[in-house]
Protein backbone atom coordinates (compact mmCIF):
# COMPACT_ATOMS: atom_id res chain seq x y z
CA MET A 1 -4.73 -22.74 -29.65
CA GLY A 2 -5.23 -20.57 -32.76
CA LEU A 3 -8.32 -19.35 -34.44
CA SER A 4 -9.86 -21.14 -37.45
CA GLY A 5 -10.17 -19.47 -40.84
CA ALA A 6 -13.91 -18.95 -40.25
CA ALA A 7 -13.23 -17.26 -36.95
CA TRP A 8 -10.68 -14.89 -38.50
CA ALA A 9 -13.19 -14.08 -41.31
CA THR A 10 -15.86 -13.38 -38.67
CA LEU A 11 -13.55 -10.94 -36.91
CA LEU A 12 -11.90 -9.28 -39.89
CA VAL A 13 -14.71 -8.87 -42.48
CA PRO A 14 -16.97 -6.67 -40.34
CA THR A 15 -13.98 -4.70 -39.15
CA ILE A 16 -12.79 -4.00 -42.67
CA LEU A 17 -16.30 -3.12 -43.85
CA GLY A 18 -16.80 -0.81 -40.91
CA PHE A 19 -13.53 0.94 -41.58
CA LEU A 20 -14.38 1.39 -45.30
CA THR A 21 -17.77 2.76 -44.34
CA MET A 22 -16.20 5.37 -42.04
CA VAL A 23 -13.72 6.47 -44.73
CA LEU A 24 -16.50 6.65 -47.29
CA TYR A 25 -18.70 8.69 -44.91
CA GLY A 26 -15.85 11.04 -44.05
CA TYR A 27 -15.11 11.88 -47.65
CA TRP A 28 -18.65 11.73 -49.08
CA ASP A 29 -18.87 15.51 -49.62
CA ARG A 30 -15.62 15.45 -51.62
CA ILE A 31 -16.71 12.43 -53.61
CA THR A 32 -20.08 13.88 -54.60
CA GLY A 33 -18.84 17.52 -54.89
CA LYS A 34 -21.85 18.78 -52.88
CA GLU A 35 -21.69 21.23 -50.06
CA TYR A 36 -23.82 20.54 -46.97
CA TYR A 37 -25.00 22.50 -43.98
CA VAL A 38 -25.67 20.97 -40.59
CA ASP A 39 -27.01 22.50 -37.45
CA GLU A 40 -29.20 21.28 -34.57
CA GLU A 41 -32.37 21.64 -36.64
CA ILE A 42 -31.50 20.82 -40.18
CA LEU A 43 -29.30 18.60 -42.40
CA ALA A 44 -29.36 20.03 -45.89
CA TYR A 45 -27.89 18.90 -49.19
CA ASP A 46 -30.10 21.37 -51.02
CA GLU A 47 -27.86 23.71 -52.99
CA ASP A 48 -30.55 26.42 -53.05
CA LEU A 49 -30.89 26.32 -49.26
CA VAL A 50 -27.11 26.53 -48.74
CA GLU A 51 -26.93 29.59 -51.04
CA GLU A 52 -29.87 31.23 -49.26
CA LEU A 53 -28.23 30.65 -45.86
CA LYS A 54 -24.93 32.15 -47.17
CA LYS A 55 -26.76 35.28 -48.34
CA GLU A 56 -28.44 35.64 -44.91
CA GLY A 57 -25.06 35.31 -43.27
CA LYS A 58 -26.01 32.18 -41.34
CA LEU A 59 -23.41 30.01 -43.04
């Protein structure tokens, strides 16, 4: 007994969308051209903050 077309769509559409979301998330910094800094206290896309942290030697 095979699956209907609606059942296949229910299985495949979320799987494909999830995969595309993961790929987009993985390459987001390359797509936007922005550098980011992450540690346990901060997630920063602020270019000024990233430059300041580089000067302080924390990055």
